[in-house]
Amino acid sequence: MTILFVLLMFVVVISVRYFIEPKFHPELEIEVVAKPQPPRLKREFGFEIPQDYCFHLGHTWVTNESANDARVGVDRFVANLMGKIDHVEVSGTDRWVRQGQKLITLGSGGTSVDLLSPVEGVVVAVNDDVLRDPTLVTNDPYENGWIAIVKSPDLKINQRNLIQGPMVAPWMQNNLARLNAMLSPTPALAQDGGGPVSGLLPQLTPELRQKVVKEFFLS
């Protein structure tokens, strides 16, 4: 009788917990990343500059999603130099990355380059659209071509180390001037003067390519 009573109580407890306790639904745990807002572009020194974006010296950018969340991508300088991007890799989610540490790898044909994180934090989301269609990085680097979301507890502090506001356009102009001088007499600039020749990097000799990557991407 005692054993029967214990078994009965066990069944009652399991039944109550089944109907009362919340169920776990894995599909509800998937984080939905909002579509980025179209950037406000301002033309300065011949460049389309996205406003309120901060830029790392290695040509990645960051813009605030919230107090601690940052959307990250690569700038037009990178997109033009690489040309047709056919492969994108991102350091795994739930991984802590330091400011200035490798975060993104872009491939174009047989050329592969590493790019650095503009902020410190944990990668919490990756743009699946870019992984499926890497040409988004080339065609739309500041909006739909974003790469990852990084949860950065010290975002404001990190941004102090980045180029922003009225300094962005002169910095980009300086980069183009340095690139032109480095590659002379090879034409480095597009005819409209607004950026490097599209797909220039894969066309360079391995030695010159390595020099350009180290100088401008810091990797």
N, C-alpha and C. Protein backbone atom coordinates (compact mmCIF):
# COMPACT_ATOMS: atom_id res chain seq x y z
N MET A 1 0.83 -1.22 0.00
CA MET A 1 0.00 0.00 0.00
C MET A 1 0.85 1.26 0.00
N THR A 2 1.92 1.25 0.82
CA THR A 2 2.80 2.42 0.89
C THR A 2 3.45 2.70 -0.45
N ILE A 3 3.92 1.61 -1.10
CA ILE A 3 4.58 1.78 -2.40
C ILE A 3 3.60 2.33 -3.43
N LEU A 4 2.37 1.80 -3.40
CA LEU A 4 1.33 2.28 -4.32
C LEU A 4 1.04 3.75 -4.10
N PHE A 5 0.99 4.18 -2.83
CA PHE A 5 0.73 5.58 -2.50
C PHE A 5 1.86 6.48 -3.03
N VAL A 6 3.09 6.05 -2.85
CA VAL A 6 4.25 6.83 -3.32
C VAL A 6 4.21 6.98 -4.84
N LEU A 7 3.90 5.86 -5.52
CA LEU A 7 3.83 5.92 -6.99
C LEU A 7 2.72 6.86 -7.45
N LEU A 8 1.60 6.83 -6.75
CA LEU A 8 0.48 7.70 -7.10
C LEU A 8 0.86 9.16 -6.92
N MET A 9 1.53 9.47 -5.83
CA MET A 9 1.96 10.85 -5.58
C MET A 9 2.94 11.30 -6.65
N PHE A 10 3.81 10.40 -7.06
CA PHE A 10 4.80 10.73 -8.10
C PHE A 10 4.10 11.10 -9.40
N VAL A 11 3.08 10.32 -9.77
CA VAL A 11 2.32 10.60 -10.98
C VAL A 11 1.60 11.93 -10.89
N VAL A 12 1.02 12.22 -9.73
CA VAL A 12 0.30 13.49 -9.53
C VAL A 12 1.25 14.68 -9.68
N VAL A 13 2.46 14.59 -9.06
CA VAL A 13 3.43 15.68 -9.11
C VAL A 13 3.88 15.93 -10.55
N ILE A 14 4.20 14.86 -11.28
CA ILE A 14 4.62 14.99 -12.68
C ILE A 14 3.52 15.65 -13.51
N SER A 15 2.27 15.25 -13.27
CA SER A 15 1.16 15.79 -14.04
C SER A 15 0.98 17.28 -13.77
N VAL A 16 1.06 17.67 -12.49
CA VAL A 16 0.91 19.07 -12.12
C VAL A 16 2.01 19.91 -12.76
N ARG A 17 3.26 19.42 -12.68
CA ARG A 17 4.38 20.17 -13.25
C ARG A 17 4.24 20.31 -14.76
N TYR A 18 3.69 19.28 -15.41
CA TYR A 18 3.52 19.33 -16.85
C TYR A 18 2.58 20.44 -17.28
N PHE A 19 1.46 20.59 -16.53
CA PHE A 19 0.45 21.56 -16.92
C PHE A 19 0.73 22.97 -16.40
N ILE A 20 1.50 23.09 -15.32
CA ILE A 20 1.70 24.41 -14.70
C ILE A 20 3.00 25.07 -15.16
N GLU A 21 4.09 24.30 -15.21
CA GLU A 21 5.37 24.91 -15.51
C GLU A 21 5.44 25.31 -16.97
N PRO A 22 6.13 26.44 -17.28
CA PRO A 22 6.25 26.90 -18.67
C PRO A 22 7.04 25.90 -19.49
N LYS A 23 6.65 25.73 -20.73
CA LYS A 23 7.34 24.83 -21.63
C LYS A 23 8.49 25.54 -22.32
N PHE A 24 9.53 24.80 -22.65
CA PHE A 24 10.67 25.35 -23.38
C PHE A 24 10.46 25.13 -24.87
N HIS A 25 10.46 26.20 -25.61
CA HIS A 25 10.31 26.12 -27.06
C HIS A 25 11.57 26.70 -27.69
N PRO A 26 12.45 25.86 -28.22
CA PRO A 26 13.70 26.36 -28.79
C PRO A 26 13.51 27.44 -29.83
N GLU A 27 12.42 27.34 -30.61
CA GLU A 27 12.24 28.33 -31.66
C GLU A 27 12.01 29.74 -31.10
N LEU A 28 11.58 29.82 -29.86
CA LEU A 28 11.34 31.13 -29.26
C LEU A 28 12.62 31.76 -28.73
N GLU A 29 13.68 30.93 -28.64
CA GLU A 29 14.93 31.43 -28.09
C GLU A 29 15.80 32.11 -29.15
N ILE A 30 15.43 31.99 -30.42
CA ILE A 30 16.22 32.57 -31.49
C ILE A 30 16.08 34.09 -31.46
N GLU A 31 17.22 34.76 -31.42
CA GLU A 31 17.20 36.22 -31.37
C GLU A 31 16.92 36.78 -32.76
N VAL A 32 15.96 37.66 -32.85
CA VAL A 32 15.62 38.29 -34.11
C VAL A 32 16.33 39.63 -34.18
N VAL A 33 17.18 39.79 -35.19
CA VAL A 33 17.94 41.03 -35.35
C VAL A 33 17.17 41.96 -36.27
N ALA A 34 16.93 43.15 -35.81
CA ALA A 34 16.16 44.11 -36.59
C ALA A 34 16.93 44.55 -37.82
N LYS A 35 16.21 44.85 -38.87
CA LYS A 35 16.82 45.37 -40.09
C LYS A 35 17.44 46.72 -39.77
N PRO A 36 18.65 46.99 -40.27
CA PRO A 36 19.30 48.27 -39.95
C PRO A 36 18.55 49.45 -40.56
N GLN A 37 18.61 50.56 -39.87
CA GLN A 37 18.03 51.79 -40.40
C GLN A 37 18.92 52.32 -41.53
N PRO A 38 18.32 52.85 -42.60
CA PRO A 38 19.14 53.41 -43.67
C PRO A 38 20.03 54.53 -43.12
N PRO A 39 21.32 54.50 -43.43
CA PRO A 39 22.21 55.54 -42.90
C PRO A 39 21.95 56.89 -43.56
N ARG A 40 22.21 57.93 -42.81
CA ARG A 40 22.15 59.28 -43.37
C ARG A 40 23.52 59.56 -44.00
N LEU A 41 23.54 59.67 -45.32
CA LEU A 41 24.79 59.86 -46.03
C LEU A 41 25.01 61.33 -46.35
N LYS A 42 26.23 61.78 -46.12
CA LYS A 42 26.59 63.16 -46.43
C LYS A 42 27.83 63.15 -47.31
N ARG A 43 27.79 63.86 -48.40
CA ARG A 43 28.92 63.87 -49.34
C ARG A 43 29.95 64.91 -48.89
N GLU A 44 31.15 64.40 -48.61
CA GLU A 44 32.25 65.26 -48.18
C GLU A 44 33.53 64.82 -48.88
N PHE A 45 34.28 65.76 -49.44
CA PHE A 45 35.54 65.47 -50.11
C PHE A 45 35.38 64.38 -51.19
N GLY A 46 34.20 64.30 -51.78
CA GLY A 46 33.96 63.31 -52.80
C GLY A 46 33.53 61.95 -52.28
N PHE A 47 33.34 61.81 -50.96
CA PHE A 47 32.94 60.54 -50.35
C PHE A 47 31.53 60.62 -49.79
N GLU A 48 30.83 59.50 -49.84
CA GLU A 48 29.54 59.39 -49.16
C GLU A 48 29.81 58.90 -47.74
N ILE A 49 29.66 59.78 -46.75
CA ILE A 49 30.00 59.47 -45.37
C ILE A 49 28.73 59.18 -44.57
N PRO A 50 28.60 57.98 -44.01
CA PRO A 50 27.43 57.70 -43.16
C PRO A 50 27.56 58.43 -41.82
N GLN A 51 26.56 59.19 -41.49
CA GLN A 51 26.61 59.99 -40.26
C GLN A 51 26.38 59.12 -39.03
N ASP A 52 27.05 59.49 -37.93
CA ASP A 52 26.96 58.79 -36.65
C ASP A 52 27.61 57.40 -36.68
N TYR A 53 28.42 57.13 -37.68
CA TYR A 53 29.23 55.92 -37.73
C TYR A 53 30.63 56.26 -37.24
N CYS A 54 31.26 55.32 -36.54
CA CYS A 54 32.65 55.48 -36.11
C CYS A 54 33.51 54.47 -36.85
N PHE A 55 34.73 54.86 -37.20
CA PHE A 55 35.58 54.04 -38.04
C PHE A 55 36.89 53.68 -37.34
N HIS A 56 37.23 52.39 -37.44
CA HIS A 56 38.52 51.92 -36.96
C HIS A 56 39.58 52.23 -38.02
N LEU A 57 40.83 52.41 -37.60
CA LEU A 57 41.91 52.70 -38.55
C LEU A 57 42.08 51.58 -39.57
N GLY A 58 41.61 50.37 -39.22
CA GLY A 58 41.69 49.25 -40.14
C GLY A 58 40.51 49.14 -41.07
N HIS A 59 39.69 50.19 -41.15
CA HIS A 59 38.58 50.30 -42.11
C HIS A 59 37.38 49.40 -41.82
N THR A 60 37.11 49.16 -40.55
CA THR A 60 35.82 48.62 -40.15
C THR A 60 35.04 49.75 -39.48
N TRP A 61 33.71 49.63 -39.43
CA TRP A 61 32.89 50.67 -38.82
C TRP A 61 31.99 50.09 -37.75
N VAL A 62 31.47 50.98 -36.92
CA VAL A 62 30.52 50.58 -35.89
C VAL A 62 29.47 51.68 -35.73
N THR A 63 28.24 51.26 -35.50
CA THR A 63 27.18 52.21 -35.19
C THR A 63 26.34 51.64 -34.05
N ASN A 64 25.84 52.50 -33.19
CA ASN A 64 25.10 52.07 -32.00
C ASN A 64 23.74 51.49 -32.37
N GLU A 65 23.44 50.33 -31.79
CA GLU A 65 22.11 49.76 -31.86
C GLU A 65 21.34 50.09 -30.57
N SER A 66 22.08 50.12 -29.46
CA SER A 66 21.53 50.47 -28.15
C SER A 66 22.72 50.88 -27.29
N ALA A 67 22.50 51.01 -26.00
CA ALA A 67 23.58 51.46 -25.12
C ALA A 67 24.78 50.52 -25.16
N ASN A 68 24.53 49.22 -25.32
CA ASN A 68 25.62 48.24 -25.28
C ASN A 68 25.75 47.40 -26.55
N ASP A 69 24.87 47.59 -27.50
CA ASP A 69 24.92 46.79 -28.72
C ASP A 69 25.40 47.62 -29.89
N ALA A 70 26.33 47.04 -30.66
CA ALA A 70 26.92 47.75 -31.78
C ALA A 70 26.82 46.92 -33.06
N ARG A 71 26.41 47.55 -34.13
CA ARG A 71 26.40 46.89 -35.44
C ARG A 71 27.73 47.21 -36.12
N VAL A 72 28.34 46.20 -36.73
CA VAL A 72 29.69 46.32 -37.25
C VAL A 72 29.73 45.93 -38.73
N GLY A 73 30.57 46.61 -39.49
CA GLY A 73 30.76 46.27 -40.91
C GLY A 73 32.09 46.78 -41.41
N VAL A 74 32.25 46.76 -42.72
CA VAL A 74 33.48 47.27 -43.34
C VAL A 74 33.12 48.47 -44.21
N ASP A 75 34.08 49.35 -44.42
CA ASP A 75 33.75 50.60 -45.12
C ASP A 75 33.91 50.47 -46.64
N ARG A 76 33.56 51.54 -47.33
CA ARG A 76 33.58 51.55 -48.79
C ARG A 76 35.00 51.39 -49.34
N PHE A 77 36.00 51.84 -48.61
CA PHE A 77 37.39 51.69 -49.00
C PHE A 77 37.72 50.20 -49.17
N VAL A 78 37.35 49.40 -48.18
CA VAL A 78 37.56 47.95 -48.24
C VAL A 78 36.77 47.35 -49.40
N ALA A 79 35.49 47.72 -49.49
CA ALA A 79 34.62 47.15 -50.51
C ALA A 79 35.17 47.40 -51.91
N ASN A 80 35.66 48.62 -52.15
CA ASN A 80 36.20 48.94 -53.47
C ASN A 80 37.49 48.17 -53.74
N LEU A 81 38.38 48.15 -52.77
CA LEU A 81 39.66 47.46 -52.97
C LEU A 81 39.45 45.97 -53.27
N MET A 82 38.54 45.34 -52.54
CA MET A 82 38.31 43.91 -52.71
C MET A 82 37.58 43.59 -54.01
N GLY A 83 36.68 44.47 -54.45
CA GLY A 83 35.90 44.19 -55.63
C GLY A 83 34.80 43.19 -55.33
N LYS A 84 34.67 42.17 -56.14
CA LYS A 84 33.62 41.16 -55.94
C LYS A 84 34.01 40.24 -54.79
N ILE A 85 33.34 40.38 -53.67
CA ILE A 85 33.61 39.55 -52.50
C ILE A 85 32.77 38.27 -52.61
N ASP A 86 33.44 37.14 -52.51
CA ASP A 86 32.72 35.87 -52.67
C ASP A 86 32.71 35.01 -51.41
N HIS A 87 33.31 35.51 -50.34
CA HIS A 87 33.36 34.70 -49.12
C HIS A 87 33.49 35.62 -47.90
N VAL A 88 32.67 35.37 -46.89
CA VAL A 88 32.72 36.14 -45.64
C VAL A 88 32.76 35.16 -44.47
N GLU A 89 33.71 35.38 -43.58
CA GLU A 89 33.78 34.60 -42.33
C GLU A 89 33.76 35.56 -41.16
N VAL A 90 33.11 35.14 -40.08
CA VAL A 90 33.04 35.95 -38.86
C VAL A 90 33.43 35.08 -37.68
N SER A 91 34.20 35.65 -36.76
CA SER A 91 34.53 34.92 -35.54
C SER A 91 33.25 34.46 -34.87
N GLY A 92 33.24 33.24 -34.32
CA GLY A 92 32.03 32.61 -33.84
C GLY A 92 31.24 33.43 -32.84
N THR A 93 29.94 33.23 -32.83
CA THR A 93 29.09 33.90 -31.86
C THR A 93 29.43 33.43 -30.45
N ASP A 94 29.05 34.24 -29.48
CA ASP A 94 29.31 33.97 -28.06
C ASP A 94 30.81 33.95 -27.77
N ARG A 95 31.56 34.61 -28.60
CA ARG A 95 33.01 34.68 -28.41
C ARG A 95 33.40 36.12 -28.12
N TRP A 96 34.25 36.31 -27.11
CA TRP A 96 34.72 37.65 -26.76
C TRP A 96 35.82 38.06 -27.72
N VAL A 97 35.69 39.25 -28.28
CA VAL A 97 36.70 39.78 -29.17
C VAL A 97 37.15 41.14 -28.65
N ARG A 98 38.43 41.40 -28.71
CA ARG A 98 38.97 42.66 -28.23
C ARG A 98 38.99 43.69 -29.35
N GLN A 99 38.97 44.95 -28.98
CA GLN A 99 39.10 46.01 -29.98
C GLN A 99 40.46 45.88 -30.67
N GLY A 100 40.44 45.82 -32.00
CA GLY A 100 41.67 45.64 -32.75
C GLY A 100 42.06 44.20 -32.98
N GLN A 101 41.22 43.25 -32.54
CA GLN A 101 41.47 41.83 -32.77
C GLN A 101 40.74 41.38 -34.04
N LYS A 102 41.26 40.36 -34.70
CA LYS A 102 40.64 39.84 -35.92
C LYS A 102 39.17 39.48 -35.66
N LEU A 103 38.29 39.96 -36.54
CA LEU A 103 36.86 39.66 -36.43
C LEU A 103 36.29 39.13 -37.73
N ILE A 104 36.74 39.68 -38.87
CA ILE A 104 36.13 39.39 -40.17
C ILE A 104 37.21 38.94 -41.15
N THR A 105 36.87 37.96 -41.97
CA THR A 105 37.73 37.56 -43.09
C THR A 105 36.91 37.66 -44.37
N LEU A 106 37.45 38.39 -45.35
CA LEU A 106 36.81 38.54 -46.64
C LEU A 106 37.65 37.85 -47.71
N GLY A 107 36.98 37.18 -48.64
CA GLY A 107 37.67 36.53 -49.73
C GLY A 107 37.18 37.04 -51.07
N SER A 108 38.13 37.20 -52.00
CA SER A 108 37.81 37.60 -53.36
C SER A 108 38.70 36.80 -54.30
N GLY A 109 38.13 35.78 -54.95
CA GLY A 109 38.95 34.90 -55.76
C GLY A 109 39.92 34.16 -54.86
N GLY A 110 41.20 34.28 -55.15
CA GLY A 110 42.22 33.64 -54.33
C GLY A 110 42.78 34.55 -53.26
N THR A 111 42.23 35.76 -53.13
CA THR A 111 42.72 36.73 -52.15
C THR A 111 41.86 36.72 -50.90
N SER A 112 42.51 36.65 -49.74
CA SER A 112 41.79 36.64 -48.47
C SER A 112 42.44 37.65 -47.53
N VAL A 113 41.62 38.47 -46.86
CA VAL A 113 42.16 39.47 -45.93
C VAL A 113 41.39 39.41 -44.62
N ASP A 114 42.10 39.68 -43.54
CA ASP A 114 41.50 39.75 -42.21
C ASP A 114 41.27 41.21 -41.84
N LEU A 115 40.15 41.47 -41.17
CA LEU A 115 39.82 42.81 -40.72
C LEU A 115 39.54 42.78 -39.22
N LEU A 116 39.78 43.92 -38.57
CA LEU A 116 39.80 43.98 -37.12
C LEU A 116 38.50 44.52 -36.54
N SER A 117 38.19 44.09 -35.34
CA SER A 117 36.98 44.55 -34.66
C SER A 117 37.16 46.00 -34.20
N PRO A 118 36.18 46.85 -34.48
CA PRO A 118 36.29 48.24 -34.03
C PRO A 118 35.98 48.42 -32.55
N VAL A 119 35.35 47.39 -31.93
CA VAL A 119 34.98 47.48 -30.51
C VAL A 119 35.28 46.16 -29.82
N GLU A 120 35.24 46.22 -28.49
CA GLU A 120 35.45 45.02 -27.68
C GLU A 120 34.10 44.52 -27.18
N GLY A 121 33.92 43.20 -27.20
CA GLY A 121 32.67 42.65 -26.70
C GLY A 121 32.44 41.24 -27.21
N VAL A 122 31.19 40.78 -27.10
CA VAL A 122 30.80 39.43 -27.51
C VAL A 122 30.00 39.51 -28.80
N VAL A 123 30.37 38.69 -29.77
CA VAL A 123 29.60 38.60 -31.02
C VAL A 123 28.30 37.85 -30.73
N VAL A 124 27.18 38.55 -30.83
CA VAL A 124 25.89 37.94 -30.48
C VAL A 124 25.03 37.62 -31.70
N ALA A 125 25.40 38.15 -32.86
CA ALA A 125 24.63 37.86 -34.08
C ALA A 125 25.50 38.12 -35.29
N VAL A 126 25.21 37.38 -36.35
CA VAL A 126 25.91 37.53 -37.62
C VAL A 126 24.86 37.71 -38.71
N ASN A 127 25.17 38.52 -39.70
CA ASN A 127 24.24 38.78 -40.79
C ASN A 127 24.22 37.58 -41.75
N ASP A 128 23.20 36.75 -41.61
CA ASP A 128 23.11 35.55 -42.46
C ASP A 128 22.95 35.91 -43.94
N ASP A 129 22.34 37.07 -44.22
CA ASP A 129 22.17 37.49 -45.62
C ASP A 129 23.53 37.68 -46.28
N VAL A 130 24.48 38.23 -45.54
CA VAL A 130 25.82 38.44 -46.07
C VAL A 130 26.55 37.12 -46.28
N LEU A 131 26.35 36.18 -45.36
CA LEU A 131 26.99 34.87 -45.52
C LEU A 131 26.47 34.17 -46.77
N ARG A 132 25.17 34.35 -47.06
CA ARG A 132 24.59 33.73 -48.25
C ARG A 132 24.94 34.51 -49.51
N ASP A 133 25.01 35.82 -49.40
CA ASP A 133 25.27 36.68 -50.56
C ASP A 133 26.34 37.72 -50.21
N PRO A 134 27.63 37.34 -50.29
CA PRO A 134 28.72 38.25 -49.89
C PRO A 134 28.80 39.53 -50.73
N THR A 135 28.16 39.55 -51.90
CA THR A 135 28.21 40.77 -52.72
C THR A 135 27.51 41.94 -52.04
N LEU A 136 26.69 41.66 -51.01
CA LEU A 136 26.05 42.76 -50.26
C LEU A 136 27.10 43.67 -49.63
N VAL A 137 28.23 43.09 -49.24
CA VAL A 137 29.29 43.89 -48.62
C VAL A 137 29.83 44.90 -49.62
N THR A 138 29.99 44.47 -50.88
CA THR A 138 30.49 45.36 -51.92
C THR A 138 29.45 46.40 -52.32
N ASN A 139 28.21 45.95 -52.49
CA ASN A 139 27.18 46.82 -53.04
C ASN A 139 26.54 47.75 -52.02
N ASP A 140 26.52 47.34 -50.75
CA ASP A 140 25.79 48.11 -49.74
C ASP A 140 26.48 47.97 -48.37
N PRO A 141 27.74 48.43 -48.25
CA PRO A 141 28.51 48.15 -47.03
C PRO A 141 27.97 48.81 -45.77
N TYR A 142 27.22 49.91 -45.89
CA TYR A 142 26.79 50.64 -44.70
C TYR A 142 25.38 50.30 -44.22
N GLU A 143 24.67 49.47 -44.97
CA GLU A 143 23.31 49.12 -44.53
C GLU A 143 23.12 47.60 -44.56
N ASN A 144 22.66 47.06 -45.67
CA ASN A 144 22.36 45.64 -45.72
C ASN A 144 23.61 44.76 -45.75
N GLY A 145 24.76 45.36 -45.98
CA GLY A 145 26.02 44.61 -45.98
C GLY A 145 26.72 44.59 -44.65
N TRP A 146 26.01 44.92 -43.56
CA TRP A 146 26.63 44.85 -42.24
C TRP A 146 27.05 43.41 -41.94
N ILE A 147 27.99 43.23 -41.00
CA ILE A 147 28.57 41.91 -40.77
C ILE A 147 28.07 41.26 -39.48
N ALA A 148 28.11 41.99 -38.36
CA ALA A 148 27.82 41.34 -37.07
C ALA A 148 27.28 42.36 -36.07
N ILE A 149 26.67 41.82 -35.00
CA ILE A 149 26.27 42.61 -33.85
C ILE A 149 27.17 42.21 -32.69
N VAL A 150 27.77 43.19 -32.03
CA VAL A 150 28.66 42.94 -30.90
C VAL A 150 28.07 43.60 -29.66
N LYS A 151 27.91 42.81 -28.60
CA LYS A 151 27.48 43.38 -27.31
C LYS A 151 28.72 43.89 -26.61
N SER A 152 28.81 45.20 -26.48
CA SER A 152 30.02 45.85 -25.99
C SER A 152 29.71 46.67 -24.74
N PRO A 153 30.04 46.15 -23.56
CA PRO A 153 29.75 46.86 -22.31
C PRO A 153 30.44 48.22 -22.23
N ASP A 154 31.59 48.36 -22.89
CA ASP A 154 32.35 49.62 -22.85
C ASP A 154 32.31 50.32 -24.20
N LEU A 155 31.16 50.28 -24.85
CA LEU A 155 31.02 50.81 -26.19
C LEU A 155 31.44 52.28 -26.29
N LYS A 156 30.95 53.09 -25.37
CA LYS A 156 31.28 54.52 -25.42
C LYS A 156 32.78 54.76 -25.25
N ILE A 157 33.40 53.99 -24.37
CA ILE A 157 34.85 54.12 -24.17
C ILE A 157 35.59 53.69 -25.43
N ASN A 158 35.16 52.58 -26.03
CA ASN A 158 35.79 52.10 -27.26
C ASN A 158 35.70 53.12 -28.38
N GLN A 159 34.56 53.80 -28.46
CA GLN A 159 34.35 54.75 -29.56
C GLN A 159 35.27 55.95 -29.48
N ARG A 160 35.80 56.21 -28.29
CA ARG A 160 36.75 57.31 -28.17
C ARG A 160 38.03 57.05 -28.94
N ASN A 161 38.32 55.78 -29.20
CA ASN A 161 39.53 55.41 -29.93
C ASN A 161 39.31 55.37 -31.44
N LEU A 162 38.11 55.70 -31.90
CA LEU A 162 37.76 55.58 -33.30
C LEU A 162 37.65 56.95 -33.97
N ILE A 163 37.68 56.92 -35.30
CA ILE A 163 37.56 58.15 -36.09
C ILE A 163 36.08 58.42 -36.32
N GLN A 164 35.64 59.64 -36.07
CA GLN A 164 34.22 59.95 -36.17
C GLN A 164 34.01 61.43 -36.47
N GLY A 165 32.76 61.75 -36.80
CA GLY A 165 32.40 63.15 -37.03
C GLY A 165 33.18 63.79 -38.17
N PRO A 166 33.62 65.02 -38.00
CA PRO A 166 34.28 65.76 -39.08
C PRO A 166 35.65 65.21 -39.48
N MET A 167 36.17 64.25 -38.71
CA MET A 167 37.48 63.69 -39.02
C MET A 167 37.43 62.57 -40.06
N VAL A 168 36.23 62.03 -40.33
CA VAL A 168 36.13 60.86 -41.19
C VAL A 168 36.54 61.18 -42.63
N ALA A 169 35.97 62.21 -43.23
CA ALA A 169 36.25 62.52 -44.63
C ALA A 169 37.73 62.85 -44.87
N PRO A 170 38.37 63.71 -44.05
CA PRO A 170 39.81 63.95 -44.25
C PRO A 170 40.64 62.68 -44.10
N TRP A 171 40.24 61.81 -43.17
CA TRP A 171 40.97 60.55 -42.99
C TRP A 171 40.86 59.68 -44.23
N MET A 172 39.68 59.58 -44.81
CA MET A 172 39.51 58.78 -46.02
C MET A 172 40.31 59.38 -47.18
N GLN A 173 40.29 60.68 -47.28
CA GLN A 173 41.05 61.34 -48.34
C GLN A 173 42.55 61.07 -48.18
N ASN A 174 43.02 61.10 -46.94
CA ASN A 174 44.42 60.81 -46.67
C ASN A 174 44.77 59.37 -47.04
N ASN A 175 43.87 58.44 -46.76
CA ASN A 175 44.10 57.04 -47.12
C ASN A 175 44.23 56.86 -48.62
N LEU A 176 43.38 57.53 -49.37
CA LEU A 176 43.45 57.42 -50.82
C LEU A 176 44.74 58.02 -51.37
N ALA A 177 45.16 59.14 -50.79
CA ALA A 177 46.41 59.77 -51.22
C ALA A 177 47.60 58.85 -50.95
N ARG A 178 47.62 58.22 -49.78
CA ARG A 178 48.70 57.30 -49.44
C ARG A 178 48.69 56.07 -50.34
N LEU A 179 47.49 55.55 -50.64
CA LEU A 179 47.38 54.40 -51.51
C LEU A 179 47.88 54.74 -52.91
N ASN A 180 47.52 55.90 -53.40
CA ASN A 180 47.94 56.32 -54.73
C ASN A 180 49.45 56.45 -54.80
N ALA A 181 50.05 57.02 -53.74
CA ALA A 181 51.50 57.17 -53.71
C ALA A 181 52.19 55.81 -53.63
N MET A 182 51.62 54.89 -52.87
CA MET A 182 52.22 53.56 -52.69
C MET A 182 52.20 52.77 -53.99
N LEU A 183 51.13 52.92 -54.79
CA LEU A 183 50.97 52.10 -55.98
C LEU A 183 51.42 52.78 -57.26
N SER A 184 51.82 54.04 -57.18
CA SER A 184 52.27 54.76 -58.37
C SER A 184 53.42 54.00 -59.02
N PRO A 185 53.43 53.86 -60.37
CA PRO A 185 52.54 54.48 -61.35
C PRO A 185 51.25 53.69 -61.64
N THR A 186 50.99 52.60 -60.90
CA THR A 186 49.74 51.86 -61.09
C THR A 186 48.56 52.75 -60.70
N PRO A 187 47.55 52.92 -61.57
CA PRO A 187 46.39 53.75 -61.20
C PRO A 187 45.64 53.13 -60.03
N ALA A 188 45.54 53.86 -58.93
CA ALA A 188 44.91 53.33 -57.72
C ALA A 188 43.52 53.88 -57.50
N LEU A 189 43.19 55.00 -58.13
CA LEU A 189 41.92 55.64 -57.84
C LEU A 189 40.95 55.51 -59.00
N ALA A 190 39.68 55.43 -58.66
CA ALA A 190 38.63 55.41 -59.68
C ALA A 190 38.63 56.75 -60.41
N GLN A 191 38.09 56.75 -61.62
CA GLN A 191 38.10 57.97 -62.42
C GLN A 191 37.34 59.11 -61.77
N ASP A 192 36.32 58.77 -60.97
CA ASP A 192 35.56 59.84 -60.32
C ASP A 192 36.25 60.34 -59.05
N GLY A 193 37.38 59.72 -58.69
CA GLY A 193 38.12 60.17 -57.52
C GLY A 193 37.50 59.80 -56.20
N GLY A 194 36.40 59.04 -56.21
CA GLY A 194 35.69 58.75 -54.97
C GLY A 194 36.13 57.50 -54.25
N GLY A 195 37.15 56.82 -54.71
CA GLY A 195 37.60 55.60 -54.03
C GLY A 195 38.60 54.85 -54.88
N PRO A 196 39.14 53.77 -54.32
CA PRO A 196 40.08 52.95 -55.08
C PRO A 196 39.39 52.28 -56.27
N VAL A 197 40.18 51.90 -57.27
CA VAL A 197 39.66 51.14 -58.39
C VAL A 197 39.04 49.85 -57.87
N SER A 198 37.84 49.52 -58.31
CA SER A 198 37.15 48.34 -57.83
C SER A 198 37.93 47.08 -58.20
N GLY A 199 38.15 46.21 -57.20
CA GLY A 199 38.85 44.97 -57.44
C GLY A 199 40.35 45.12 -57.63
N LEU A 200 40.91 46.23 -57.16
CA LEU A 200 42.34 46.48 -57.35
C LEU A 200 43.22 45.51 -56.57
N LEU A 201 42.84 45.21 -55.34
CA LEU A 201 43.71 44.42 -54.47
C LEU A 201 44.08 43.05 -55.06
N PRO A 202 43.11 42.26 -55.55
CA PRO A 202 43.49 40.95 -56.10
C PRO A 202 44.40 41.04 -57.32
N GLN A 203 44.48 42.19 -57.97
CA GLN A 203 45.29 42.34 -59.17
C GLN A 203 46.76 42.63 -58.86
N LEU A 204 47.05 42.99 -57.60
CA LEU A 204 48.42 43.35 -57.24
C LEU A 204 49.29 42.11 -57.09
N THR A 205 50.60 42.31 -57.16
CA THR A 205 51.51 41.22 -56.88
C THR A 205 51.37 40.81 -55.42
N PRO A 206 51.67 39.57 -55.07
CA PRO A 206 51.55 39.14 -53.67
C PRO A 206 52.30 40.04 -52.69
N GLU A 207 53.50 40.49 -53.08
CA GLU A 207 54.31 41.33 -52.20
C GLU A 207 53.63 42.69 -51.98
N LEU A 208 53.15 43.29 -53.06
CA LEU A 208 52.50 44.60 -52.95
C LEU A 208 51.16 44.48 -52.24
N ARG A 209 50.46 43.39 -52.50
CA ARG A 209 49.17 43.16 -51.83
C ARG A 209 49.37 43.07 -50.32
N GLN A 210 50.37 42.32 -49.90
CA GLN A 210 50.65 42.18 -48.47
C GLN A 210 50.99 43.53 -47.85
N LYS A 211 51.72 44.34 -48.59
CA LYS A 211 52.09 45.67 -48.10
C LYS A 211 50.86 46.55 -47.91
N VAL A 212 49.94 46.50 -48.88
CA VAL A 212 48.71 47.31 -48.80
C VAL A 212 47.83 46.84 -47.63
N VAL A 213 47.67 45.53 -47.48
CA VAL A 213 46.85 44.98 -46.40
C VAL A 213 47.41 45.40 -45.04
N LYS A 214 48.73 45.30 -44.88
CA LYS A 214 49.34 45.66 -43.61
C LYS A 214 49.22 47.16 -43.32
N GLU A 215 49.35 47.96 -44.38
CA GLU A 215 49.31 49.42 -44.21
C GLU A 215 47.91 49.94 -43.89
N PHE A 216 46.91 49.39 -44.58
CA PHE A 216 45.57 49.96 -44.47
C PHE A 216 44.58 49.14 -43.64
N PHE A 217 44.79 47.82 -43.58
CA PHE A 217 43.89 46.98 -42.79
C PHE A 217 44.50 46.61 -41.45
N LEU A 218 45.80 46.90 -41.28
CA LEU A 218 46.53 46.67 -40.03
C LEU A 218 46.56 45.19 -39.64
N SER A 219 46.51 44.32 -40.64
CA SER A 219 46.51 42.89 -40.34
C SER A 219 47.57 42.16 -41.17
